[in-house]
PDB file of N, CA and C in Angstrom:
ATOM      1  N   MET A   1     108.694  65.628  76.448  1.00  0.00           N
ATOM      2  CA  MET A   1     108.569  65.922  75.214  1.00  0.00           C
ATOM      3  C   MET A   1     107.247  65.679  74.592  1.00  0.00           C
ATOM      4  N   LEU A   2     106.605  66.615  74.087  1.00  0.00           N
ATOM      5  CA  LEU A   2     105.261  66.247  73.276  1.00  0.00           C
ATOM      6  C   LEU A   2     105.259  65.707  71.909  1.00  0.00           C
ATOM      7  N   PRO A   3     104.531  64.784  71.548  1.00  0.00           N
ATOM      8  CA  PRO A   3     104.461  64.064  70.331  1.00  0.00           C
ATOM      9  C   PRO A   3     104.320  65.261  69.229  1.00  0.00           C
ATOM     10  N   PRO A   4     104.849  64.837  68.028  1.00  0.00           N
ATOM     11  CA  PRO A   4     104.493  65.867  66.910  1.00  0.00           C
ATOM     12  C   PRO A   4     103.069  65.987  66.723  1.00  0.00           C
ATOM     13  N   GLU A   5     102.891  67.344  66.282  1.00  0.00           N
ATOM     14  CA  GLU A   5     101.243  67.527  66.002  1.00  0.00           C
ATOM     15  C   GLU A   5     101.043  67.194  64.554  1.00  0.00           C
ATOM     16  N   HIS A   6      99.933  66.518  64.377  1.00  0.00           N
ATOM     17  CA  HIS A   6      99.285  66.057  63.012  1.00  0.00           C
ATOM     18  C   HIS A   6      98.790  67.400  62.422  1.00  0.00           C
ATOM     19  N   PRO A   7      98.908  67.454  60.965  1.00  0.00           N
ATOM     20  CA  PRO A   7      98.513  68.551  60.326  1.00  0.00           C
ATOM     21  C   PRO A   7      96.933  68.511  60.509  1.00  0.00           C
ATOM     22  N   PRO A   8      96.127  69.692  60.607  1.00  0.00           N
ATOM     23  CA  PRO A   8      94.787  69.680  60.797  1.00  0.00           C
ATOM     24  C   PRO A   8      94.000  69.083  59.615  1.00  0.00           C
ATOM     25  N   LEU A   9      93.011  68.494  59.783  1.00  0.00           N
ATOM     26  CA  LEU A   9      92.098  67.941  58.669  1.00  0.00           C
ATOM     27  C   LEU A   9      91.311  69.133  57.867  1.00  0.00           C
ATOM     28  N   PRO A  10      91.404  69.117  56.609  1.00  0.00           N
ATOM     29  CA  PRO A  10      90.663  70.105  55.742  1.00  0.00           C
ATOM     30  C   PRO A  10      89.256  69.982  56.203  1.00  0.00           C
ATOM     31  N   ALA A  11      88.670  71.304  55.876  1.00  0.00           N
ATOM     32  CA  ALA A  11      87.364  71.482  56.193  1.00  0.00           C
ATOM     33  C   ALA A  11      86.536  70.477  55.234  1.00  0.00           C
ATOM     34  N   LEU A  12      85.768  69.694  55.787  1.00  0.00           N
ATOM     35  CA  LEU A  12      84.801  68.603  54.906  1.00  0.00           C
ATOM     36  C   LEU A  12      83.340  68.870  55.423  1.00  0.00           C
ATOM     37  N   THR A  13      82.445  68.652  54.505  1.00  0.00           N
ATOM     38  CA  THR A  13      80.941  68.515  54.865  1.00  0.00           C
ATOM     39  C   THR A  13      80.780  67.087  55.667  1.00  0.00           C
ATOM     40  N   ARG A  14      79.683  67.123  56.313  1.00  0.00           N
ATOM     41  CA  ARG A  14      79.396  65.892  57.079  1.00  0.00           C
ATOM     42  C   ARG A  14      79.308  64.675  56.047  1.00  0.00           C
ATOM     43  N   ALA A  15      78.911  64.914  55.090  1.00  0.00           N
ATOM     44  CA  ALA A  15      78.854  63.603  53.931  1.00  0.00           C
ATOM     45  C   ALA A  15      80.329  63.249  53.465  1.00  0.00           C
ATOM     46  N   GLU A  16      81.050  64.350  53.149  1.00  0.00           N
ATOM     47  CA  GLU A  16      82.418  63.897  52.799  1.00  0.00           C
ATOM     48  C   GLU A  16      83.156  63.175  53.900  1.00  0.00           C
ATOM     49  N   SER A  17      82.750  63.509  55.095  1.00  0.00           N
ATOM     50  CA  SER A  17      83.628  62.924  56.308  1.00  0.00           C
ATOM     51  C   SER A  17      83.127  61.602  56.392  1.00  0.00           C
ATOM     52  N   ALA A  18      81.771  61.351  56.081  1.00  0.00           N
ATOM     53  CA  ALA A  18      81.257  60.005  56.160  1.00  0.00           C
ATOM     54  C   ALA A  18      81.939  59.141  55.092  1.00  0.00           C
ATOM     55  N   PHE A  19      82.131  59.718  53.983  1.00  0.00           N
ATOM     56  CA  PHE A  19      82.596  59.021  52.816  1.00  0.00           C
ATOM     57  C   PHE A  19      84.079  58.619  53.143  1.00  0.00           C
ATOM     58  N   VAL A  20      84.784  59.586  53.473  1.00  0.00           N
ATOM     59  CA  VAL A  20      86.187  59.303  53.862  1.00  0.00           C
ATOM     60  C   VAL A  20      86.279  58.129  55.073  1.00  0.00           C
ATOM     61  N   ASP A  21      85.531  58.294  55.968  1.00  0.00           N
ATOM     62  CA  ASP A  21      85.585  57.373  57.137  1.00  0.00           C
ATOM     63  C   ASP A  21      85.207  56.134  56.578  1.00  0.00           C
ATOM     64  N   SER A  22      83.943  56.132  55.909  1.00  0.00           N
ATOM     65  CA  SER A  22      83.587  54.681  55.500  1.00  0.00           C
ATOM     66  C   SER A  22      84.622  53.946  54.434  1.00  0.00           C
ATOM     67  N   TRP A  23      85.141  55.020  53.602  1.00  0.00           N
ATOM     68  CA  TRP A  23      86.115  54.245  52.616  1.00  0.00           C
ATOM     69  C   TRP A  23      87.411  53.679  53.490  1.00  0.00           C
ATOM     70  N   LEU A  24      87.921  54.406  54.470  1.00  0.00           N
ATOM     71  CA  LEU A  24      89.139  53.984  55.253  1.00  0.00           C
ATOM     72  C   LEU A  24      88.635  52.649  56.014  1.00  0.00           C
ATOM     73  N   GLU A  25      87.472  52.662  56.580  1.00  0.00           N
ATOM     74  CA  GLU A  25      87.058  51.324  57.267  1.00  0.00           C
ATOM     75  C   GLU A  25      86.982  50.179  56.367  1.00  0.00           C
ATOM     76  N   ALA A  26      86.441  50.411  55.126  1.00  0.00           N
ATOM     77  CA  ALA A  26      86.337  49.327  54.000  1.00  0.00           C
ATOM     78  C   ALA A  26      87.749  48.898  53.663  1.00  0.00           C
ATOM     79  N   VAL A  27      88.679  49.737  53.406  1.00  0.00           N
ATOM     80  CA  VAL A  27      90.137  49.602  53.076  1.00  0.00           C
ATOM     81  C   VAL A  27      91.022  48.735  54.306  1.00  0.00           C
ATOM     82  N   ASP A  28      90.495  49.297  55.580  1.00  0.00           N
ATOM     83  CA  ASP A  28      90.947  48.324  56.585  1.00  0.00           C
ATOM     84  C   ASP A  28      90.565  46.979  56.593  1.00  0.00           C
ATOM     85  N   LEU A  29      89.384  46.741  56.331  1.00  0.00           N
ATOM     86  CA  LEU A  29      88.754  45.340  56.390  1.00  0.00           C
ATOM     87  C   LEU A  29      89.427  44.544  55.063  1.00  0.00           C
ATOM     88  N   LEU A  30      89.404  45.256  54.038  1.00  0.00           N
ATOM     89  CA  LEU A  30      90.174  44.706  52.801  1.00  0.00           C
ATOM     90  C   LEU A  30      91.444  44.200  53.155  1.00  0.00           C
ATOM     91  N   GLY A  31      92.190  44.975  53.763  1.00  0.00           N
ATOM     92  CA  GLY A  31      93.589  44.651  54.187  1.00  0.00           C
ATOM     93  C   GLY A  31      93.597  43.441  55.244  1.00  0.00           C
ATOM     94  N   ARG A  32      92.609  43.238  55.962  1.00  0.00           N
ATOM     95  CA  ARG A  32      92.690  42.134  56.859  1.00  0.00           C
ATOM     96  C   ARG A  32      92.085  40.801  56.041  1.00  0.00           C
ATOM     97  N   THR A  33      91.537  40.995  54.942  1.00  0.00           N
ATOM     98  CA  THR A  33      91.265  39.856  54.127  1.00  0.00           C
ATOM     99  C   THR A  33      92.362  39.449  52.926  1.00  0.00           C
ATOM    100  N   ASN A  34      93.403  40.437  52.818  1.00  0.00           N
ATOM    101  CA  ASN A  34      94.397  40.265  51.596  1.00  0.00           C
ATOM    102  C   ASN A  34      94.950  38.900  51.863  1.00  0.00           C
ATOM    103  N   PRO A  35      94.828  37.950  50.952  1.00  0.00           N
ATOM    104  CA  PRO A  35      95.315  36.595  51.063  1.00  0.00           C
ATOM    105  C   PRO A  35      96.984  36.700  51.127  1.00  0.00           C
ATOM    106  N   ALA A  36      97.528  37.749  50.611  1.00  0.00           N
ATOM    107  CA  ALA A  36      99.246  37.891  50.874  1.00  0.00           C
ATOM    108  C   ALA A  36      99.499  38.280  52.171  1.00  0.00           C
ATOM    109  N   ARG A  37      98.582  38.661  53.094  1.00  0.00           N
ATOM    110  CA  ARG A  37      98.948  39.228  54.310  1.00  0.00           C
ATOM    111  C   ARG A  37      98.266  38.606  55.411  1.00  0.00           C
ATOM    112  N   ALA A  38      97.053  37.746  55.132  1.00  0.00           N
ATOM    113  CA  ALA A  38      96.212  37.334  56.227  1.00  0.00           C
ATOM    114  C   ALA A  38      97.151  36.166  56.954  1.00  0.00           C
ATOM    115  N   THR A  39      96.726  35.961  58.200  1.00  0.00           N
ATOM    116  CA  THR A  39      97.468  34.761  58.880  1.00  0.00           C
ATOM    117  C   THR A  39      96.418  33.698  59.319  1.00  0.00           C
ATOM    118  N   HIS A  40      95.270  34.180  59.470  1.00  0.00           N
ATOM    119  CA  HIS A  40      94.131  33.051  60.090  1.00  0.00           C
ATOM    120  C   HIS A  40      92.886  33.414  59.230  1.00  0.00           C
ATOM    121  N   THR A  41      92.221  32.241  58.675  1.00  0.00           N
ATOM    122  CA  THR A  41      91.048  32.330  58.030  1.00  0.00           C
ATOM    123  C   THR A  41      89.909  32.867  58.736  1.00  0.00           C
ATOM    124  N   TYR A  42      89.863  32.625  60.072  1.00  0.00           N
ATOM    125  CA  TYR A  42      88.750  33.170  61.034  1.00  0.00           C
ATOM    126  C   TYR A  42      88.834  34.644  60.944  1.00  0.00           C
ATOM    127  N   SER A  43      89.963  35.194  61.151  1.00  0.00           N
ATOM    128  CA  SER A  43      89.898  36.853  61.295  1.00  0.00           C
ATOM    129  C   SER A  43      89.526  37.368  59.671  1.00  0.00           C
ATOM    130  N   ALA A  44      90.113  36.724  58.756  1.00  0.00           N
ATOM    131  CA  ALA A  44      89.681  37.115  57.317  1.00  0.00           C
ATOM    132  C   ALA A  44      88.214  37.070  57.186  1.00  0.00           C
ATOM    133  N   LEU A  45      87.616  35.820  57.569  1.00  0.00           N
ATOM    134  CA  LEU A  45      86.120  35.760  57.343  1.00  0.00           C
ATOM    135  C   LEU A  45      85.440  36.814  58.226  1.00  0.00           C
ATOM    136  N   ARG A  46      85.782  36.959  59.226  1.00  0.00           N
ATOM    137  CA  ARG A  46      85.281  38.110  59.978  1.00  0.00           C
ATOM    138  C   ARG A  46      85.232  39.514  59.368  1.00  0.00           C
ATOM    139  N   ALA A  47      86.497  39.724  58.949  1.00  0.00           N
ATOM    140  CA  ALA A  47      86.477  41.079  58.199  1.00  0.00           C
ATOM    141  C   ALA A  47      85.548  41.100  56.873  1.00  0.00           C
ATOM    142  N   ALA A  48      85.465  39.825  56.190  1.00  0.00           N
ATOM    143  CA  ALA A  48      84.666  39.964  54.962  1.00  0.00           C
ATOM    144  C   ALA A  48      83.273  40.215  55.377  1.00  0.00           C
ATOM    145  N   GLN A  49      82.930  39.414  56.599  1.00  0.00           N
ATOM    146  CA  GLN A  49      81.423  39.546  56.993  1.00  0.00           C
ATOM    147  C   GLN A  49      81.120  41.012  57.290  1.00  0.00           C
ATOM    148  N   ALA A  50      82.241  41.858  57.909  1.00  0.00           N
ATOM    149  CA  ALA A  50      82.035  43.155  58.186  1.00  0.00           C
ATOM    150  C   ALA A  50      81.951  43.943  57.034  1.00  0.00           C
ATOM    151  N   LEU A  51      82.702  43.796  56.015  1.00  0.00           N
ATOM    152  CA  LEU A  51      82.852  44.520  54.908  1.00  0.00           C
ATOM    153  C   LEU A  51      81.600  44.892  54.146  1.00  0.00           C
ATOM    154  N   VAL A  52      80.569  43.931  54.170  1.00  0.00           N
ATOM    155  CA  VAL A  52      79.335  44.247  53.589  1.00  0.00           C
ATOM    156  C   VAL A  52      78.765  45.583  54.375  1.00  0.00           C
ATOM    157  N   GLY A  53      78.790  45.530  55.622  1.00  0.00           N
ATOM    158  CA  GLY A  53      78.184  46.840  56.166  1.00  0.00           C
ATOM    159  C   GLY A  53      79.011  47.982  56.041  1.00  0.00           C
ATOM    160  N   ARG A  54      80.280  47.919  55.855  1.00  0.00           N
ATOM    161  CA  ARG A  54      81.111  49.172  55.368  1.00  0.00           C
ATOM    162  C   ARG A  54      80.873  49.514  53.991  1.00  0.00           C
ATOM    163  N   ALA A  55      80.511  48.620  53.142  1.00  0.00           N
ATOM    164  CA  ALA A  55      80.284  48.987  51.655  1.00  0.00           C
ATOM    165  C   ALA A  55      78.982  49.814  51.682  1.00  0.00           C
ATOM    166  N   THR A  56      77.969  49.210  52.542  1.00  0.00           N
ATOM    167  CA  THR A  56      76.805  49.830  52.492  1.00  0.00           C
ATOM    168  C   THR A  56      76.904  51.211  53.116  1.00  0.00           C
ATOM    169  N   ALA A  57      77.705  51.485  54.038  1.00  0.00           N
ATOM    170  CA  ALA A  57      77.963  52.840  54.534  1.00  0.00           C
ATOM    171  C   ALA A  57      78.503  53.752  53.587  1.00  0.00           C
ATOM    172  N   LEU A  58      79.493  52.981  52.929  1.00  0.00           N
ATOM    173  CA  LEU A  58      80.100  53.904  51.879  1.00  0.00           C
ATOM    174  C   LEU A  58      79.021  54.380  50.738  1.00  0.00           C
ATOM    175  N   ARG A  59      78.261  53.470  50.386  1.00  0.00           N
ATOM    176  CA  ARG A  59      77.214  53.754  49.445  1.00  0.00           C
ATOM    177  C   ARG A  59      76.261  54.774  49.972  1.00  0.00           C
ATOM    178  N   GLU A  60      75.968  54.827  51.166  1.00  0.00           N
ATOM    179  CA  GLU A  60      74.967  55.802  51.845  1.00  0.00           C
ATOM    180  C   GLU A  60      75.635  57.123  51.874  1.00  0.00           C
ATOM    181  N   ALA A  61      77.086  57.109  52.124  1.00  0.00           N
ATOM    182  CA  ALA A  61      77.559  58.446  52.305  1.00  0.00           C
ATOM    183  C   ALA A  61      77.760  59.023  50.825  1.00  0.00           C
ATOM    184  N   LEU A  62      77.987  58.404  49.925  1.00  0.00           N
ATOM    185  CA  LEU A  62      77.911  58.889  48.386  1.00  0.00           C
ATOM    186  C   LEU A  62      76.575  59.313  48.143  1.00  0.00           C
ATOM    187  N   THR A  63      75.529  58.491  48.408  1.00  0.00           N
ATOM    188  CA  THR A  63      74.157  58.858  48.129  1.00  0.00           C
ATOM    189  C   THR A  63      74.009  60.161  48.952  1.00  0.00           C
ATOM    190  N   TRP A  64      74.196  60.334  49.980  1.00  0.00           N
ATOM    191  CA  TRP A  64      73.988  61.467  50.686  1.00  0.00           C
ATOM    192  C   TRP A  64      74.569  62.653  50.021  1.00  0.00           C
ATOM    193  N   MET A  65      75.814  62.607  49.621  1.00  0.00           N
ATOM    194  CA  MET A  65      76.466  63.614  49.004  1.00  0.00           C
ATOM    195  C   MET A  65      75.632  64.057  47.653  1.00  0.00           C
ATOM    196  N   HIS A  66      75.503  63.051  47.007  1.00  0.00           N
ATOM    197  CA  HIS A  66      74.609  63.281  45.672  1.00  0.00           C
ATOM    198  C   HIS A  66      73.013  64.036  46.193  1.00  0.00           C
ATOM    199  N   GLU A  67      72.689  63.461  47.066  1.00  0.00           N
ATOM    200  CA  GLU A  67      71.229  64.144  47.336  1.00  0.00           C
ATOM    201  C   GLU A  67      71.307  65.520  47.897  1.00  0.00           C
ATOM    202  N   ARG A  68      72.640  65.728  48.323  1.00  0.00           N
ATOM    203  CA  ARG A  68      72.815  67.344  48.859  1.00  0.00           C
ATOM    204  C   ARG A  68      73.204  68.242  47.779  1.00  0.00           C
ATOM    205  N   GLY A  69      73.340  67.728  46.602  1.00  0.00           N
ATOM    206  CA  GLY A  69      73.897  68.563  45.380  1.00  0.00           C
ATOM    207  C   GLY A  69      75.430  68.614  45.240  1.00  0.00           C
ATOM    208  N   GLU A  70      76.123  67.591  46.255  1.00  0.00           N
ATOM    209  CA  GLU A  70      77.457  67.732  45.866  1.00  0.00           C
ATOM    210  C   GLU A  70      77.959  66.747  44.889  1.00  0.00           C
ATOM    211  N   SER A  71      77.844  67.316  43.799  1.00  0.00           N
ATOM    212  CA  SER A  71      78.139  66.299  42.470  1.00  0.00           C
ATOM    213  C   SER A  71      79.562  66.209  42.136  1.00  0.00           C
ATOM    214  N   GLU A  72      80.620  66.855  42.760  1.00  0.00           N
ATOM    215  CA  GLU A  72      81.826  66.663  42.468  1.00  0.00           C
ATOM    216  C   GLU A  72      82.542  66.207  43.659  1.00  0.00           C
ATOM    217  N   VAL A  73      83.477  65.317  43.481  1.00  0.00           N
ATOM    218  CA  VAL A  73      84.466  64.688  44.473  1.00  0.00           C
ATOM    219  C   VAL A  73      85.612  65.709  44.407  1.00  0.00           C
ATOM    220  N   HIS A  74      85.958  66.308  45.473  1.00  0.00           N
ATOM    221  CA  HIS A  74      87.059  67.139  45.618  1.00  0.00           C
ATOM    222  C   HIS A  74      88.218  66.298  45.901  1.00  0.00           C
ATOM    223  N   ALA A  75      88.979  65.682  44.931  1.00  0.00           N
ATOM    224  CA  ALA A  75      90.025  64.765  45.257  1.00  0.00           C
ATOM    225  C   ALA A  75      91.116  65.419  46.041  1.00  0.00           C
ATOM    226  N   HIS A  76      91.634  66.491  45.664  1.00  0.00           N
ATOM    227  CA  HIS A  76      92.552  67.137  46.260  1.00  0.00           C
ATOM    228  C   HIS A  76      92.408  67.207  47.851  1.00  0.00           C
ATOM    229  N   THR A  77      91.238  67.701  48.172  1.00  0.00           N
ATOM    230  CA  THR A  77      90.954  67.909  49.512  1.00  0.00           C
ATOM    231  C   THR A  77      90.758  66.693  50.419  1.00  0.00           C
ATOM    232  N   LEU A  78      89.922  65.594  49.657  1.00  0.00           N
ATOM    233  CA  LEU A  78      89.915  64.447  50.331  1.00  0.00           C
ATOM    234  C   LEU A  78      91.115  63.615  50.386  1.00  0.00           C
ATOM    235  N   ALA A  79      92.064  63.923  49.392  1.00  0.00           N
ATOM    236  CA  ALA A  79      93.345  62.991  49.589  1.00  0.00           C
ATOM    237  C   ALA A  79      94.151  63.751  50.692  1.00  0.00           C
ATOM    238  N   ARG A  80      94.004  64.891  50.927  1.00  0.00           N
ATOM    239  CA  ARG A  80      94.683  65.540  52.169  1.00  0.00           C
ATOM    240  C   ARG A  80      94.057  65.010  53.385  1.00  0.00           C
ATOM    241  N   ALA A  81      92.874  64.790  53.547  1.00  0.00           N
ATOM    242  CA  ALA A  81      92.024  64.192  54.761  1.00  0.00           C
ATOM    243  C   ALA A  81      92.572  62.791  54.816  1.00  0.00           C
ATOM    244  N   LEU A  82      92.630  61.981  53.774  1.00  0.00           N
ATOM    245  CA  LEU A  82      93.163  60.659  54.037  1.00  0.00           C
ATOM    246  C   LEU A  82      94.658  60.562  54.317  1.00  0.00           C
ATOM    247  N   ARG A  83      95.426  61.554  53.924  1.00  0.00           N
ATOM    248  CA  ARG A  83      96.788  61.664  54.447  1.00  0.00           C
ATOM    249  C   ARG A  83      96.971  61.781  55.968  1.00  0.00           C
ATOM    250  N   VAL A  84      96.144  62.608  56.392  1.00  0.00           N
ATOM    251  CA  VAL A  84      96.057  62.989  57.796  1.00  0.00           C
ATOM    252  C   VAL A  84      95.569  61.868  58.584  1.00  0.00           C
ATOM    253  N   LEU A  85      94.628  61.075  57.942  1.00  0.00           N
ATOM    254  CA  LEU A  85      94.219  59.975  58.788  1.00  0.00           C
ATOM    255  C   LEU A  85      94.842  58.591  58.376  1.00  0.00           C
ATOM    256  N   ASP A  86      96.046  58.748  57.863  1.00  0.00           N
ATOM    257  CA  ASP A  86      97.132  57.533  57.727  1.00  0.00           C
ATOM    258  C   ASP A  86      96.531  56.850  56.651  1.00  0.00           C
ATOM    259  N   GLY A  87      95.859  57.315  55.709  1.00  0.00           N
ATOM    260  CA  GLY A  87      95.294  56.419  54.645  1.00  0.00           C
ATOM    261  C   GLY A  87      96.267  55.762  53.747  1.00  0.00           C
ATOM    262  N   GLU A  88      97.292  56.404  53.508  1.00  0.00           N
ATOM    263  CA  GLU A  88      98.401  55.693  52.645  1.00  0.00           C
ATOM    264  C   GLU A  88      98.900  54.214  53.276  1.00  0.00           C
ATOM    265  N   ARG A  89      99.106  54.353  54.548  1.00  0.00           N
ATOM    266  CA  ARG A  89      99.576  53.038  55.115  1.00  0.00           C
ATOM    267  C   ARG A  89      98.414  52.247  55.322  1.00  0.00           C
ATOM    268  N   ARG A  90      97.265  52.599  55.585  1.00  0.00           N
ATOM    269  CA  ARG A  90      96.076  51.757  55.649  1.00  0.00           C
ATOM    270  C   ARG A  90      95.814  51.086  54.240  1.00  0.00           C
ATOM    271  N   ALA A  91      95.746  51.912  53.089  1.00  0.00           N
ATOM    272  CA  ALA A  91      95.606  51.508  51.963  1.00  0.00           C
ATOM    273  C   ALA A  91      96.738  50.336  51.496  1.00  0.00           C
ATOM    274  N   GLY A  92      97.953  50.633  51.918  1.00  0.00           N
ATOM    275  CA  GLY A  92      98.967  49.755  51.556  1.00  0.00           C
ATOM    276  C   GLY A  92      98.933  48.226  51.736  1.00  0.00           C
ATOM    277  N   ARG A  93      98.055  48.120  52.886  1.00  0.00           N
ATOM    278  CA  ARG A  93      97.853  46.695  53.518  1.00  0.00           C
ATOM    279  C   ARG A  93      96.948  45.959  52.400  1.00  0.00           C
ATOM    280  N   VAL A  94      96.376  46.647  51.341  1.00  0.00           N
ATOM    281  CA  VAL A  94      95.574  45.925  50.414  1.00  0.00           C
ATOM    282  C   VAL A  94      96.397  45.279  49.287  1.00  0.00           C
ATOM    283  N   THR A  95      97.590  45.988  49.063  1.00  0.00           N
ATOM    284  CA  THR A  95      98.405  45.481  47.910  1.00  0.00           C
ATOM    285  C   THR A  95      99.198  44.231  48.214  1.00  0.00           C
ATOM    286  N   VAL A  96      99.640  43.728  47.264  1.00  0.00           N
ATOM    287  CA  VAL A  96     100.497  42.521  47.621  1.00  0.00           C
ATOM    288  C   VAL A  96     102.004  42.807  47.877  1.00  0.00           C
ATOM    289  N   PRO A  97     102.418  42.406  48.928  1.00  0.00           N
ATOM    290  CA  PRO A  97     103.841  42.901  49.343  1.00  0.00           C
ATOM    291  C   PRO A  97     104.876  42.390  48.269  1.00  0.00           C
ATOM    292  N   HIS A  98     105.905  43.182  48.299  1.00  0.00           N
ATOM    293  CA  HIS A  98     107.038  42.901  47.220  1.00  0.00           C
ATOM    294  C   HIS A  98     107.748  41.494  47.545  1.00  0.00           C
ATOM    295  N   ASN A  99     108.257  40.919  46.770  1.00  0.00           N
ATOM    296  CA  ASN A  99     108.930  39.724  46.761  1.00  0.00           C
ATOM    297  C   ASN A  99     110.276  39.977  47.528  1.00  0.00           C
ATOM    298  N   ARG A 100     110.466  39.524  48.663  1.00  0.00           N
ATOM    299  CA  ARG A 100     111.854  39.762  49.370  1.00  0.00           C
ATOM    300  C   ARG A 100     112.928  38.662  49.266  1.00  0.00           C
ATOM    301  N   GLY A 101     113.436  38.732  48.223  1.00  0.00           N
ATOM    302  CA  GLY A 101     114.420  37.884  47.850  1.00  0.00           C
ATOM    303  C   GLY A 101     114.262  36.364  47.660  1.00  0.00           C
ATOM    304  N   VAL A 102     112.835  35.974  47.716  1.00  0.00           N
ATOM    305  CA  VAL A 102     112.562  34.676  47.630  1.00  0.00           C
ATOM    306  C   VAL A 102     112.271  34.468  46.028  1.00  0.00           C
ATOM    307  N   GLY A 103     112.755  33.325  45.619  1.00  0.00           N
ATOM    308  CA  GLY A 103     112.517  32.987  44.289  1.00  0.00           C
ATOM    309  C   GLY A 103     111.239  32.668  43.726  1.00  0.00           C
ATOM    310  N   PRO A 104     110.866  32.627  42.446  1.00  0.00           N
ATOM    311  CA  PRO A 104     109.674  32.227  42.112  1.00  0.00           C
ATOM    312  C   PRO A 104     109.192  30.744  42.374  1.00  0.00           C
ATOM    313  N   THR A 105     108.021  30.693  42.694  1.00  0.00           N
ATOM    314  CA  THR A 105     107.406  29.471  43.030  1.00  0.00           C
ATOM    315  C   THR A 105     106.387  28.927  42.054  1.00  0.00           C
TER     316      THR A 105
END
């Protein structure tokens, strides 16, 4: 049995692709530094150090879009790309998890 096919990515410019990829990489790193989810300081530290580079890549992707005359972010199309790339789950690691029956501290 074959695994289910993922929906195709929407057509994106190279700059939009770089924007989406850089944003997802930054979100992944933020998830690894989330105090409510992290398990070790060293891995959180490494993620925080790498975040600087990903933030730079994100800025460069947006600069590239702006310089190319891409003045609008096509949120609907980019959101479709993020969903295909598992962006909802990845971004969910940045949030504070729900209280699971534990009383207030």
